[in-house]
Protein backbone atom coordinates (compact mmCIF):
# COMPACT_ATOMS: atom_id res chain seq x y z
CA MET A 1 -4.61 -13.60 -16.84
CA THR A 2 -1.53 -11.40 -16.75
CA ILE A 3 -1.52 -7.69 -17.48
CA SER A 4 1.19 -5.11 -18.08
CA SER A 5 1.53 -1.80 -16.25
CA SER A 6 -0.19 0.02 -19.14
CA GLU A 7 -3.38 -2.04 -18.59
CA ILE A 8 -3.80 -1.13 -14.91
CA ARG A 9 -7.10 0.53 -13.97
CA ARG A 10 -8.42 1.89 -10.67
CA ASN A 11 -10.38 -0.67 -8.55
CA MET A 12 -8.91 -3.56 -10.56
CA THR A 13 -8.16 -6.64 -8.44
CA ILE A 14 -4.78 -8.33 -8.70
CA ILE A 15 -2.92 -11.17 -6.98
CA LEU A 16 0.32 -10.31 -5.17
CA ASP A 17 2.09 -12.73 -2.83
CA ASP A 18 -0.84 -15.20 -3.05
CA ASP A 19 -3.33 -12.60 -1.77
CA VAL A 20 -6.01 -10.51 -3.50
CA TYR A 21 -5.51 -6.72 -3.62
CA GLN A 22 -7.55 -3.89 -5.10
CA ILE A 23 -5.61 -1.15 -6.91
CA LEU A 24 -6.35 2.32 -5.51
CA ASP A 25 -3.67 4.31 -7.37
CA TRP A 26 -0.54 3.69 -9.43
CA GLN A 27 2.39 5.52 -10.96
CA HIS A 28 4.81 4.27 -13.60
CA ARG A 29 8.21 6.00 -13.64
CA GLN A 30 11.12 5.81 -16.04
CA ALA A 31 14.14 7.67 -14.63
CA PRO A 32 17.10 8.39 -16.91
CA LYS A 33 19.67 5.56 -16.88
CA ALA A 34 17.57 3.55 -14.40
CA PRO A 35 15.14 0.66 -14.82
CA PRO A 36 11.43 1.58 -14.83
CA THR A 37 9.51 1.29 -11.55
CA LEU A 38 5.83 0.80 -10.83
CA THR A 39 4.52 2.20 -7.55
CA ILE A 40 1.05 0.95 -6.69
CA LYS A 41 -1.20 1.80 -3.78
CA VAL A 42 -3.29 -1.28 -3.00
CA ARG A 43 -5.89 -2.37 -0.45
CA GLN A 44 -5.74 -5.95 0.77
CA VAL A 45 -9.28 -7.21 0.19
CA LYS A 46 -9.45 -9.55 3.20
CA SER A 47 -8.13 -7.15 5.86
CA GLY A 48 -8.86 -3.75 4.31
CA ASN A 49 -5.29 -2.59 5.03
CA VAL A 50 -3.74 -0.18 2.50
CA TYR A 51 -0.15 -0.68 1.33
CA GLU A 52 2.19 1.02 -1.11
CA ARG A 53 4.28 -1.41 -3.13
CA LYS A 54 7.20 -0.73 -5.50
CA LEU A 55 7.65 -3.23 -8.31
CA PRO A 56 9.88 -3.43 -11.39
CA GLY A 57 8.15 -1.46 -14.17
CA ASN A 58 8.22 -4.36 -16.60
CA GLN A 59 6.78 -6.94 -14.16
CA LYS A 60 3.60 -8.62 -15.32
CA LEU A 61 0.72 -8.60 -12.80
CA THR A 62 -1.82 -11.39 -12.37
CA ARG A 63 -5.40 -10.18 -12.51
CA ALA A 64 -7.80 -11.71 -9.96
CA GLU A 65 -11.13 -12.57 -11.54
CA VAL A 66 -13.63 -11.63 -8.84
CA GLU A 67 -17.42 -11.64 -8.85
CA THR A 68 -19.58 -9.20 -6.88
CA PRO A 69 -23.07 -10.69 -6.70
CA THR A 70 -25.87 -9.02 -4.75
CA VAL A 71 -26.88 -11.30 -1.88
CA GLN A 72 -29.68 -11.31 0.68
CA TYR A 73 -29.03 -11.96 4.37
CA LEU A 74 -31.16 -14.90 5.54
CA TYR A 75 -30.27 -15.91 9.12
CA PRO A 76 -27.39 -16.45 11.58
CA ASP A 77 -26.17 -19.94 12.48
CA GLY A 78 -23.59 -19.79 15.29
CA ASP A 79 -20.57 -17.86 14.00
CA MET A 80 -21.71 -18.35 10.39
CA TYR A 81 -24.24 -16.16 8.57
CA ASN A 82 -26.34 -17.54 5.72
CA PHE A 83 -26.92 -15.61 2.50
CA MET A 84 -28.65 -16.21 -0.81
CA ASN A 85 -27.51 -15.01 -4.23
CA THR A 86 -30.46 -12.94 -5.55
CA GLU A 87 -29.86 -14.05 -9.16
CA THR A 88 -29.07 -17.77 -8.88
CA PHE A 89 -30.83 -18.40 -5.51
CA ASP A 90 -27.77 -20.37 -4.33
CA GLN A 91 -27.34 -20.30 -0.55
CA PHE A 92 -23.98 -20.10 1.22
CA ALA A 93 -22.52 -19.14 4.59
CA ILE A 94 -20.05 -16.37 5.40
CA THR A 95 -17.96 -16.15 8.58
CA ASP A 96 -18.12 -13.17 10.91
CA GLU A 97 -14.43 -12.49 10.09
CA VAL A 98 -15.31 -11.75 6.45
CA LEU A 99 -18.42 -9.71 7.37
CA GLY A 100 -16.67 -7.65 10.06
CA ASP A 101 -18.50 -4.41 10.93
CA ALA A 102 -21.13 -5.05 8.24
CA LEU A 103 -22.98 -7.23 10.79
CA LYS A 104 -23.96 -4.08 12.71
CA TYR A 105 -25.69 -2.66 9.63
CA ILE A 106 -27.65 -5.61 8.23
CA ALA A 107 -30.87 -7.24 9.38
CA GLU A 108 -32.56 -10.36 8.05
CA GLY A 109 -33.82 -9.73 4.51
CA ASP A 110 -31.34 -6.91 3.74
CA THR A 111 -29.17 -7.04 0.60
CA LEU A 112 -25.47 -6.28 0.17
CA GLU A 113 -22.65 -6.89 -2.30
CA VAL A 114 -20.12 -9.64 -1.62
CA MET A 115 -16.78 -9.89 -3.41
CA MET A 116 -16.06 -13.54 -4.25
CA TYR A 117 -12.80 -15.00 -5.54
CA GLU A 118 -12.95 -18.56 -6.90
CA GLY A 119 -16.37 -19.03 -5.27
CA VAL A 120 -15.16 -18.02 -1.79
CA PRO A 121 -16.45 -14.79 -0.16
CA ILE A 122 -13.52 -12.49 0.68
CA SER A 123 -15.19 -9.16 1.53
CA CYS A 124 -18.58 -7.43 1.63
CA GLU A 125 -19.90 -3.95 1.04
CA VAL A 126 -23.00 -2.47 2.67
CA ALA A 127 -24.88 0.54 1.32
CA PRO A 128 -23.59 4.00 2.40
CA SER A 129 -26.74 4.48 4.51
CA VAL A 130 -29.14 1.93 5.95
CA THR A 131 -32.42 1.95 7.86
CA LEU A 132 -32.29 0.29 11.29
CA GLU A 133 -34.77 -0.12 14.15
CA ILE A 134 -34.01 1.12 17.65
CA GLY A 135 -34.04 -1.87 20.01
CA GLN A 136 -33.35 -0.04 23.25
CA THR A 137 -32.87 3.56 24.37
CA GLU A 138 -33.54 5.74 27.39
CA ILE A 139 -36.64 7.91 27.56
CA GLY A 140 -35.85 11.53 26.71
CA LEU A 141 -36.64 13.97 29.50
CA LYS A 142 -39.71 16.10 28.83
CA GLY A 143 -38.79 19.75 28.51
CA ASP A 144 -35.15 18.99 27.75
CA THR A 145 -34.99 20.91 24.48
CA GLN A 146 -31.32 21.73 24.40
CA SER A 147 -30.25 22.07 20.79
CA GLY A 148 -28.23 19.08 19.63
CA ALA A 149 -28.74 17.04 22.83
CA THR A 150 -28.29 13.30 22.30
CA LYS A 151 -28.62 10.03 24.17
CA PRO A 152 -27.21 6.53 23.57
CA ALA A 153 -29.32 3.99 21.70
CA THR A 154 -28.82 0.40 20.55
CA THR A 155 -30.31 -0.89 17.30
CA THR A 156 -31.80 -4.37 16.86
CA THR A 157 -28.58 -5.32 15.00
CA GLY A 158 -26.42 -4.43 18.03
CA LEU A 159 -25.03 -1.08 16.85
CA THR A 160 -24.71 1.52 19.64
CA LEU A 161 -24.84 5.17 18.59
CA GLN A 162 -25.93 8.63 19.74
CA VAL A 163 -29.44 9.76 18.70
CA PRO A 164 -31.52 12.90 19.39
CA LEU A 165 -33.69 12.94 22.52
CA PHE A 166 -36.97 12.53 20.57
CA VAL A 167 -35.99 9.07 19.22
CA SER A 168 -37.59 6.22 21.18
CA THR A 169 -37.53 2.40 21.21
CA GLY A 170 -39.12 0.94 18.05
CA ASP A 171 -38.39 3.99 15.86
CA ARG A 172 -36.71 3.41 12.50
CA ILE A 173 -33.69 5.59 11.79
CA VAL A 174 -31.25 6.14 8.91
CA VAL A 175 -27.60 5.42 9.77
CA ASN A 176 -24.44 6.43 7.89
CA THR A 177 -22.45 3.16 7.59
CA THR A 178 -19.03 4.77 7.01
CA GLU A 179 -19.16 6.70 10.30
CA GLY A 180 -21.80 4.73 12.23
CA THR A 181 -23.79 7.88 12.97
CA TYR A 182 -27.47 8.87 13.03
CA THR A 183 -28.54 10.90 9.99
CA GLY A 184 -32.33 11.11 10.39
CA ARG A 185 -35.64 9.37 10.89
CA ALA A 186 -36.81 6.81 8.34
CA ASP A 187 -40.17 7.24 6.63
């Protein structure tokens, strides 16, 4: 489906140069005695890289019909990770290249949103904060009550981060997924 520059909306997905991009921002300009230009700021869905592209203002864009089903993480299988669509119960595998850093924030049974184009997963989105279990950390020294003191810890998903001294192995913590930082204890 083709669209004109007047139909562009934020977060719309389009196809440019045989690749899927998400529109972050756009500006249509008509200078006197010059052809119109369309400047779009786009994020390549597969890599996450952001680009600014200048196109002729009257160029038609091809809209990418993407689906974003909620899926549940089932289990790893080598370098593939198996998921199940929570609505249709279809199972499929996603490579670690597509999952990227999301692997550090998901455990078996967790749900996330996957962007699919023509039935193929192209990117995934985890929640802004997740609850993870501490797999290994040092024992905090008794009496060390320095304000803001931290120690390294590794979650069961493999994420390494700094946590307060009172956190111990087996504790469940809340982690900010955009920064990969500790935000508090889980209930």
